[in-house]
């Protein structure tokens, strides 16, 4: 009887039945369902149905890396079943991420870590993006733009002081880095509500941008200059 109840928990979210029992099982608290499914998988490690449901729970709880890994494991066991599930929309990205992560862990190549970071960032999964960029910076700490991307990832997750530390690290090495000054101004102005100090960095960003005009594409230059000028109120 216990195993029957657990089975209903596994299949209910995937929508394979519409009975009253299944509807009730959907109301079981997530953490309880997670514990039950993990218990089943210890005894039945090839149960793709429960594995897929566990992946779904991980993703909903923000444990993206675990969710993707579990989803890919389920796909390798039963490709047809996974491809026709509601969670299949994220399968292509999960497969790509898993491949890149395996490659990055094997080669410890900074460009692969950066590709992972960019992928997570574009998906709005900023905690994972931050971790991938951090791994890349362990390989090569001189990547200023990657450090700034990590700062943006941290800021998106409300780790503003850690984000400021990353930007300051760039400024310590390159005081007139256009984007480091620009983002420092943005973080100070909008996250810390410190317009006075923000203005100092916006002014420095503007001067650096104008001095380095030839290194920027026309649209990037004009858009950035327009935004900085707006921030300065000039």
C-alpha atoms as a PDB file:
ATOM      1  CA  UNK A   1       0.000   0.000   0.000  1.00  0.00           C
ATOM      2  CA  UNK A   2       2.805   2.408   0.857  1.00  0.00           C
ATOM      3  CA  UNK A   3       4.491   1.739  -2.484  1.00  0.00           C
ATOM      4  CA  UNK A   4       1.194   2.395  -4.299  1.00  0.00           C
ATOM      5  CA  UNK A   5       0.846   5.791  -2.598  1.00  0.00           C
ATOM      6  CA  UNK A   6       4.417   6.702  -3.482  1.00  0.00           C
ATOM      7  CA  UNK A   7       3.817   5.708  -7.095  1.00  0.00           C
ATOM      8  CA  UNK A   8       0.875   8.100  -7.245  1.00  0.00           C
ATOM      9  CA  UNK A   9       3.095  10.881  -5.921  1.00  0.00           C
ATOM     10  CA  UNK A  10       5.599  10.203  -8.689  1.00  0.00           C
ATOM     11  CA  UNK A  11       3.114  10.269 -11.549  1.00  0.00           C
ATOM     12  CA  UNK A  12       0.654  12.911 -10.361  1.00  0.00           C
ATOM     13  CA  UNK A  13       2.637  16.004 -11.305  1.00  0.00           C
ATOM     14  CA  UNK A  14       3.317  14.572 -14.749  1.00  0.00           C
ATOM     15  CA  UNK A  15      -0.412  14.402 -15.368  1.00  0.00           C
ATOM     16  CA  UNK A  16      -0.823  10.757 -16.312  1.00  0.00           C
ATOM     17  CA  UNK A  17      -4.034  10.269 -14.332  1.00  0.00           C
ATOM     18  CA  UNK A  18      -6.925  12.354 -13.140  1.00  0.00           C
ATOM     19  CA  UNK A  19      -8.314  10.334 -10.275  1.00  0.00           C
ATOM     20  CA  UNK A  20      -9.223  11.814  -6.905  1.00  0.00           C
ATOM     21  CA  UNK A  21      -6.271  10.007  -5.305  1.00  0.00           C
ATOM     22  CA  UNK A  22      -3.790  11.569  -7.719  1.00  0.00           C
ATOM     23  CA  UNK A  23      -5.246  15.012  -7.181  1.00  0.00           C
ATOM     24  CA  UNK A  24      -4.870  14.567  -3.444  1.00  0.00           C
ATOM     25  CA  UNK A  25      -1.287  13.389  -3.825  1.00  0.00           C
ATOM     26  CA  UNK A  26      -0.435  16.668  -5.549  1.00  0.00           C
ATOM     27  CA  UNK A  27      -1.185  18.399  -2.268  1.00  0.00           C
ATOM     28  CA  UNK A  28       1.531  16.535  -0.396  1.00  0.00           C
ATOM     29  CA  UNK A  29       4.177  19.004   0.738  1.00  0.00           C
ATOM     30  CA  UNK A  30       7.113  19.155  -1.624  1.00  0.00           C
ATOM     31  CA  UNK A  31       9.742  18.251   0.930  1.00  0.00           C
ATOM     32  CA  UNK A  32       7.799  15.109   1.884  1.00  0.00           C
ATOM     33  CA  UNK A  33       7.413  14.081  -1.743  1.00  0.00           C
ATOM     34  CA  UNK A  34      11.114  14.675  -2.267  1.00  0.00           C
ATOM     35  CA  UNK A  35      12.039  12.455   0.684  1.00  0.00           C
ATOM     36  CA  UNK A  36       9.704   9.693  -0.498  1.00  0.00           C
ATOM     37  CA  UNK A  37      11.025   9.755  -4.053  1.00  0.00           C
ATOM     38  CA  UNK A  38      14.655   9.813  -2.952  1.00  0.00           C
ATOM     39  CA  UNK A  39      13.900   6.790  -0.759  1.00  0.00           C
ATOM     40  CA  UNK A  40      12.421   4.887  -3.701  1.00  0.00           C
ATOM     41  CA  UNK A  41      15.376   5.713  -5.931  1.00  0.00           C
ATOM     42  CA  UNK A  42      17.770   4.194  -3.415  1.00  0.00           C
ATOM     43  CA  UNK A  43      16.039   0.856  -4.008  1.00  0.00           C
ATOM     44  CA  UNK A  44      15.102   1.495  -7.645  1.00  0.00           C
ATOM     45  CA  UNK A  45      17.872   3.660  -9.164  1.00  0.00           C
ATOM     46  CA  UNK A  46      16.540   3.097 -12.695  1.00  0.00           C
ATOM     47  CA  UNK A  47      12.995   4.303 -11.984  1.00  0.00           C
ATOM     48  CA  UNK A  48      12.764   7.014 -14.653  1.00  0.00           C
ATOM     49  CA  UNK A  49       9.279   8.122 -13.566  1.00  0.00           C
ATOM     50  CA  UNK A  50      10.352   8.983 -10.039  1.00  0.00           C
ATOM     51  CA  UNK A  51      13.661  10.353 -11.284  1.00  0.00           C
ATOM     52  CA  UNK A  52      11.839  12.773 -13.565  1.00  0.00           C
ATOM     53  CA  UNK A  53       9.580  13.892 -10.742  1.00  0.00           C
ATOM     54  CA  UNK A  54      12.623  14.451  -8.523  1.00  0.00           C
ATOM     55  CA  UNK A  55      14.217  16.561 -11.266  1.00  0.00           C
ATOM     56  CA  UNK A  56      11.041  18.622 -11.388  1.00  0.00           C
ATOM     57  CA  UNK A  57      11.182  19.197  -7.621  1.00  0.00           C
ATOM     58  CA  UNK A  58      14.849  20.201  -7.756  1.00  0.00           C
ATOM     59  CA  UNK A  59      14.150  22.748 -10.485  1.00  0.00           C
ATOM     60  CA  UNK A  60      11.179  24.211  -8.619  1.00  0.00           C
ATOM     61  CA  UNK A  61      13.307  24.559  -5.488  1.00  0.00           C
ATOM     62  CA  UNK A  62      16.044  26.360  -7.380  1.00  0.00           C
ATOM     63  CA  UNK A  63      18.526  23.469  -7.228  1.00  0.00           C
ATOM     64  CA  UNK A  64      19.145  23.862 -10.941  1.00  0.00           C
ATOM     65  CA  UNK A  65      22.355  21.865 -11.239  1.00  0.00           C
ATOM     66  CA  UNK A  66      20.817  18.866  -9.445  1.00  0.00           C
ATOM     67  CA  UNK A  67      17.660  19.228 -11.494  1.00  0.00           C
ATOM     68  CA  UNK A  68      19.504  19.188 -14.800  1.00  0.00           C
ATOM     69  CA  UNK A  69      21.715  16.263 -13.787  1.00  0.00           C
ATOM     70  CA  UNK A  70      18.717  14.220 -12.645  1.00  0.00           C
ATOM     71  CA  UNK A  71      16.743  15.106 -15.771  1.00  0.00           C
ATOM     72  CA  UNK A  72      19.584  13.937 -18.019  1.00  0.00           C
ATOM     73  CA  UNK A  73      19.905  10.720 -16.007  1.00  0.00           C
ATOM     74  CA  UNK A  74      16.183  10.077 -16.522  1.00  0.00           C
ATOM     75  CA  UNK A  75      16.535  10.825 -20.241  1.00  0.00           C
ATOM     76  CA  UNK A  76      19.366   8.314 -20.614  1.00  0.00           C
ATOM     77  CA  UNK A  77      17.156   5.673 -18.991  1.00  0.00           C
ATOM     78  CA  UNK A  78      13.973   6.421 -20.939  1.00  0.00           C
ATOM     79  CA  UNK A  79      14.358   9.007 -23.730  1.00  0.00           C
ATOM     80  CA  UNK A  80      10.807   8.579 -25.075  1.00  0.00           C
ATOM     81  CA  UNK A  81       9.178   9.088 -21.697  1.00  0.00           C
ATOM     82  CA  UNK A  82      11.212  12.192 -20.872  1.00  0.00           C
ATOM     83  CA  UNK A  83      10.747  13.756 -24.303  1.00  0.00           C
ATOM     84  CA  UNK A  84       6.972  13.574 -23.890  1.00  0.00           C
ATOM     85  CA  UNK A  85       6.877  14.978 -20.372  1.00  0.00           C
ATOM     86  CA  UNK A  86       5.983  18.520 -19.334  1.00  0.00           C
ATOM     87  CA  UNK A  87       9.556  19.137 -18.250  1.00  0.00           C
ATOM     88  CA  UNK A  88      10.905  18.307 -21.717  1.00  0.00           C
ATOM     89  CA  UNK A  89      11.078  22.008 -22.616  1.00  0.00           C
ATOM     90  CA  UNK A  90      14.290  22.382 -20.592  1.00  0.00           C
ATOM     91  CA  UNK A  91      15.810  19.097 -21.781  1.00  0.00           C
ATOM     92  CA  UNK A  92      17.926  20.571 -24.628  1.00  0.00           C
ATOM     93  CA  UNK A  93      19.543  23.079 -22.295  1.00  0.00           C
ATOM     94  CA  UNK A  94      20.025  20.432 -19.592  1.00  0.00           C
ATOM     95  CA  UNK A  95      21.804  18.176 -22.085  1.00  0.00           C
ATOM     96  CA  UNK A  96      24.003  21.032 -23.285  1.00  0.00           C
ATOM     97  CA  UNK A  97      24.873  22.107 -19.745  1.00  0.00           C
ATOM     98  CA  UNK A  98      25.665  18.560 -18.660  1.00  0.00           C
ATOM     99  CA  UNK A  99      27.974  18.089 -21.645  1.00  0.00           C
ATOM    100  CA  UNK A 100      29.734  21.402 -21.045  1.00  0.00           C
ATOM    101  CA  UNK A 101      30.079  20.730 -17.329  1.00  0.00           C
ATOM    102  CA  UNK A 102      31.646  17.327 -17.974  1.00  0.00           C
ATOM    103  CA  UNK A 103      34.027  18.951 -20.428  1.00  0.00           C
ATOM    104  CA  UNK A 104      34.879  21.808 -18.061  1.00  0.00           C
ATOM    105  CA  UNK A 105      35.533  19.482 -15.135  1.00  0.00           C
ATOM    106  CA  UNK A 106      37.764  17.352 -17.339  1.00  0.00           C
ATOM    107  CA  UNK A 107      39.799  20.139 -18.959  1.00  0.00           C
ATOM    108  CA  UNK A 108      39.310  23.000 -16.468  1.00  0.00           C
ATOM    109  CA  UNK A 109      39.156  25.262 -19.502  1.00  0.00           C
ATOM    110  CA  UNK A 110      38.143  28.837 -18.695  1.00  0.00           C
ATOM    111  CA  UNK A 111      36.257  29.354 -21.955  1.00  0.00           C
ATOM    112  CA  UNK A 112      34.047  26.342 -21.182  1.00  0.00           C
ATOM    113  CA  UNK A 113      33.331  27.607 -17.671  1.00  0.00           C
ATOM    114  CA  UNK A 114      32.496  30.977 -19.220  1.00  0.00           C
ATOM    115  CA  UNK A 115      30.137  29.379 -21.739  1.00  0.00           C
ATOM    116  CA  UNK A 116      28.342  27.670 -18.855  1.00  0.00           C
ATOM    117  CA  UNK A 117      28.169  30.942 -16.955  1.00  0.00           C
ATOM    118  CA  UNK A 118      26.770  32.776 -19.967  1.00  0.00           C
ATOM    119  CA  UNK A 119      24.176  30.062 -20.536  1.00  0.00           C
ATOM    120  CA  UNK A 120      22.958  30.172 -16.951  1.00  0.00           C
ATOM    121  CA  UNK A 121      22.993  33.989 -16.957  1.00  0.00           C
ATOM    122  CA  UNK A 122      20.891  34.141 -20.122  1.00  0.00           C
ATOM    123  CA  UNK A 123      18.418  31.743 -18.500  1.00  0.00           C
ATOM    124  CA  UNK A 124      18.208  33.980 -15.434  1.00  0.00           C
ATOM    125  CA  UNK A 125      19.797  31.326 -13.200  1.00  0.00           C
ATOM    126  CA  UNK A 126      22.186  33.723 -11.542  1.00  0.00           C
ATOM    127  CA  UNK A 127      23.412  31.590  -8.636  1.00  0.00           C
ATOM    128  CA  UNK A 128      24.714  28.938 -11.030  1.00  0.00           C
ATOM    129  CA  UNK A 129      26.128  31.599 -13.370  1.00  0.00           C
ATOM    130  CA  UNK A 130      28.076  33.055 -10.473  1.00  0.00           C
ATOM    131  CA  UNK A 131      29.558  29.654  -9.615  1.00  0.00           C
ATOM    132  CA  UNK A 132      30.601  28.971 -13.203  1.00  0.00           C
ATOM    133  CA  UNK A 133      32.304  32.364 -13.508  1.00  0.00           C
ATOM    134  CA  UNK A 134      34.009  31.744 -10.177  1.00  0.00           C
ATOM    135  CA  UNK A 135      35.443  28.479 -11.503  1.00  0.00           C
ATOM    136  CA  UNK A 136      36.729  30.338 -14.560  1.00  0.00           C
ATOM    137  CA  UNK A 137      38.359  32.997 -12.396  1.00  0.00           C
ATOM    138  CA  UNK A 138      40.171  30.301 -10.420  1.00  0.00           C
ATOM    139  CA  UNK A 139      41.795  29.337 -13.711  1.00  0.00           C
ATOM    140  CA  UNK A 140      42.546  32.906 -14.793  1.00  0.00           C
ATOM    141  CA  UNK A 141      41.865  35.709 -12.267  1.00  0.00           C
ATOM    142  CA  UNK A 142      42.856  38.405 -14.775  1.00  0.00           C
ATOM    143  CA  UNK A 143      39.579  38.155 -16.742  1.00  0.00           C
ATOM    144  CA  UNK A 144      38.097  41.544 -15.901  1.00  0.00           C
ATOM    145  CA  UNK A 145      34.894  41.212 -17.917  1.00  0.00           C
ATOM    146  CA  UNK A 146      34.206  37.758 -16.486  1.00  0.00           C
ATOM    147  CA  UNK A 147      34.676  39.162 -12.987  1.00  0.00           C
ATOM    148  CA  UNK A 148      32.175  41.892 -13.827  1.00  0.00           C
ATOM    149  CA  UNK A 149      29.734  39.286 -15.140  1.00  0.00           C
ATOM    150  CA  UNK A 150      30.101  37.496 -11.815  1.00  0.00           C
ATOM    151  CA  UNK A 151      29.447  40.796 -10.055  1.00  0.00           C
ATOM    152  CA  UNK A 152      26.232  41.199 -12.051  1.00  0.00           C
ATOM    153  CA  UNK A 153      25.197  37.627 -11.192  1.00  0.00           C
ATOM    154  CA  UNK A 154      25.775  38.313  -7.501  1.00  0.00           C
ATOM    155  CA  UNK A 155      23.888  41.605  -7.693  1.00  0.00           C
ATOM    156  CA  UNK A 156      20.921  39.861  -9.351  1.00  0.00           C
ATOM    157  CA  UNK A 157      20.781  37.519  -6.353  1.00  0.00           C
ATOM    158  CA  UNK A 158      20.968  40.472  -3.938  1.00  0.00           C
ATOM    159  CA  UNK A 159      24.560  39.769  -2.826  1.00  0.00           C
ATOM    160  CA  UNK A 160      25.375  43.413  -3.372  1.00  0.00           C
ATOM    161  CA  UNK A 161      28.424  43.696  -1.154  1.00  0.00           C
ATOM    162  CA  UNK A 162      30.029  40.644  -2.748  1.00  0.00           C
ATOM    163  CA  UNK A 163      29.233  42.209  -6.125  1.00  0.00           C
ATOM    164  CA  UNK A 164      30.889  45.456  -5.067  1.00  0.00           C
ATOM    165  CA  UNK A 165      33.983  43.538  -3.956  1.00  0.00           C
ATOM    166  CA  UNK A 166      34.294  41.952  -7.384  1.00  0.00           C
ATOM    167  CA  UNK A 167      33.982  45.306  -9.147  1.00  0.00           C
ATOM    168  CA  UNK A 168      36.513  46.854  -6.767  1.00  0.00           C
ATOM    169  CA  UNK A 169      38.950  44.053  -7.567  1.00  0.00           C
ATOM    170  CA  UNK A 170      38.820  45.120 -11.213  1.00  0.00           C
ATOM    171  CA  UNK A 171      39.207  48.791 -10.327  1.00  0.00           C
ATOM    172  CA  UNK A 172      42.237  48.005  -8.177  1.00  0.00           C
ATOM    173  CA  UNK A 173      43.922  46.569 -11.251  1.00  0.00           C
ATOM    174  CA  UNK A 174      42.481  48.967 -13.814  1.00  0.00           C
ATOM    175  CA  UNK A 175      41.159  52.223 -12.258  1.00  0.00           C
ATOM    176  CA  UNK A 176      39.802  53.550 -15.564  1.00  0.00           C
ATOM    177  CA  UNK A 177      38.052  50.406 -16.702  1.00  0.00           C
ATOM    178  CA  UNK A 178      34.896  51.759 -18.349  1.00  0.00           C
ATOM    179  CA  UNK A 179      32.499  49.017 -17.325  1.00  0.00           C
ATOM    180  CA  UNK A 180      33.905  48.595 -13.822  1.00  0.00           C
ATOM    181  CA  UNK A 181      33.270  52.272 -13.117  1.00  0.00           C
ATOM    182  CA  UNK A 182      29.904  52.113 -14.833  1.00  0.00           C
ATOM    183  CA  UNK A 183      28.667  49.131 -12.798  1.00  0.00           C
ATOM    184  CA  UNK A 184      30.084  50.533  -9.585  1.00  0.00           C
ATOM    185  CA  UNK A 185      28.033  53.639 -10.248  1.00  0.00           C
ATOM    186  CA  UNK A 186      24.922  51.579 -10.968  1.00  0.00           C
ATOM    187  CA  UNK A 187      25.279  49.422  -7.857  1.00  0.00           C
ATOM    188  CA  UNK A 188      25.865  52.428  -5.632  1.00  0.00           C
ATOM    189  CA  UNK A 189      23.002  54.419  -7.143  1.00  0.00           C
ATOM    190  CA  UNK A 190      20.320  51.738  -7.244  1.00  0.00           C
ATOM    191  CA  UNK A 191      21.270  49.089  -4.689  1.00  0.00           C
ATOM    192  CA  UNK A 192      22.795  51.253  -1.979  1.00  0.00           C
ATOM    193  CA  UNK A 193      20.908  54.472  -2.882  1.00  0.00           C
ATOM    194  CA  UNK A 194      24.154  56.421  -2.682  1.00  0.00           C
ATOM    195  CA  UNK A 195      23.854  58.872  -5.558  1.00  0.00           C
ATOM    196  CA  UNK A 196      26.664  61.098  -4.365  1.00  0.00           C
ATOM    197  CA  UNK A 197      29.336  58.411  -4.524  1.00  0.00           C
ATOM    198  CA  UNK A 198      27.771  56.891  -7.624  1.00  0.00           C
ATOM    199  CA  UNK A 199      28.264  60.147  -9.487  1.00  0.00           C
ATOM    200  CA  UNK A 200      32.039  59.918  -8.977  1.00  0.00           C
ATOM    201  CA  UNK A 201      32.152  56.578 -10.771  1.00  0.00           C
ATOM    202  CA  UNK A 202      29.772  57.634 -13.527  1.00  0.00           C
ATOM    203  CA  UNK A 203      31.970  60.655 -14.216  1.00  0.00           C
ATOM    204  CA  UNK A 204      35.063  58.464 -14.336  1.00  0.00           C
ATOM    205  CA  UNK A 205      33.275  56.010 -16.625  1.00  0.00           C
ATOM    206  CA  UNK A 206      32.338  58.846 -18.981  1.00  0.00           C
ATOM    207  CA  UNK A 207      35.867  60.204 -19.154  1.00  0.00           C
ATOM    208  CA  UNK A 208      37.313  56.741 -19.712  1.00  0.00           C
ATOM    209  CA  UNK A 209      34.729  55.952 -22.379  1.00  0.00           C
ATOM    210  CA  UNK A 210      35.460  59.129 -24.323  1.00  0.00           C
ATOM    211  CA  UNK A 211      39.202  58.507 -24.087  1.00  0.00           C
ATOM    212  CA  UNK A 212      38.752  54.956 -25.378  1.00  0.00           C
ATOM    213  CA  UNK A 213      36.145  55.797 -28.025  1.00  0.00           C
ATOM    214  CA  UNK A 214      38.003  54.052 -30.837  1.00  0.00           C
ATOM    215  CA  UNK A 215      37.858  50.689 -29.041  1.00  0.00           C
ATOM    216  CA  UNK A 216      34.043  50.623 -28.981  1.00  0.00           C
ATOM    217  CA  UNK A 217      31.561  49.912 -31.737  1.00  0.00           C
ATOM    218  CA  UNK A 218      29.541  52.995 -32.677  1.00  0.00           C
ATOM    219  CA  UNK A 219      26.196  51.853 -31.242  1.00  0.00           C
ATOM    220  CA  UNK A 220      27.760  50.520 -28.047  1.00  0.00           C
ATOM    221  CA  UNK A 221      29.615  53.773 -27.565  1.00  0.00           C
ATOM    222  CA  UNK A 222      26.637  56.047 -28.196  1.00  0.00           C
ATOM    223  CA  UNK A 223      24.232  53.995 -26.070  1.00  0.00           C
ATOM    224  CA  UNK A 224      26.651  53.782 -23.174  1.00  0.00           C
ATOM    225  CA  UNK A 225      27.529  57.473 -23.360  1.00  0.00           C
ATOM    226  CA  UNK A 226      23.844  58.397 -23.476  1.00  0.00           C
ATOM    227  CA  UNK A 227      23.057  56.306 -20.381  1.00  0.00           C
ATOM    228  CA  UNK A 228      26.018  57.654 -18.389  1.00  0.00           C
ATOM    229  CA  UNK A 229      25.139  61.227 -19.348  1.00  0.00           C
ATOM    230  CA  UNK A 230      21.591  60.590 -18.180  1.00  0.00           C
ATOM    231  CA  UNK A 231      22.851  59.247 -14.858  1.00  0.00           C
ATOM    232  CA  UNK A 232      24.999  62.345 -14.411  1.00  0.00           C
ATOM    233  CA  UNK A 233      22.084  64.635 -15.275  1.00  0.00           C
ATOM    234  CA  UNK A 234      24.211  66.523 -17.799  1.00  0.00           C
END
